[in-house]
Amino acid sequence: MASAAASVATRPEPGETRKLIPSGIMGMLLFVFTEAMLFAGMISAHAIVRAGAQQWPPFDQPRLPREATLLNTAALLFSGGALIIARLAYRKRAEQARGPLLVAVLLGAFFVTAQGREWIALIAEGLTITSSSYGGFFYLIIGTHAVHAVAAILALAWAWQRLRSGRLTAAQLGTVEVFWYFVVLVWPVLYVQVYL
């Protein structure tokens, strides 16, 4: 028994292990996975209701602005591209990422603002969340994306502010990137399923 106690006493203290993925990024990946399931559920419900409808969209409901939304989609995708450029610049010299990161924020803000203008026009034309299942699904799915987009834009703006003050870490930038890429990449799926 004494030899067992002696061997425990002579073991070295465990060192800190290096994480493969920083905690913030891992947490955001888990969050994004659950949100992907949320969108998958909404898209599935939308597809089932749409398949069972005699006419989709209903005759008395306004049509969604496909072409205008395609321009907004381009702005969102370019925002994702600007964030990729920001990451590459950050790796070379952190302060070089300021411009591309700001472009990502501004293009994201353009996307949300343009979508908001579209919503105002659709409501004025009579498409509301209670006007039909067509309107209900549109506002539920696209509105949920809008909430995510606003939150991600705020996260991007936070990262830009920290970068300006020289306090943005690579892990923090990575965490915000995961969130924004989710917002950017889920949108084309929503556009195809809801608008087309």
Foldseek 3Di string as FASTA:
>chain_A
DVVVVVVVVPDDDDDDDDDPADPLQVVLVVVLVVVVVVLVVLLVVLVVVVVPDPDPPDPLADAQPLVLLVVLLVLLVVLLVLLVVLLVLCVVPLLRSLVSLVSSLVSLVVSLVSVVVSVVVRVVSPQDCPSDVLSVSCCVNVVVLSVLSVVLSVLSVVQSVCSVVVNHDSSSSSSSSSSSVSSSVVVVVCSVSNND
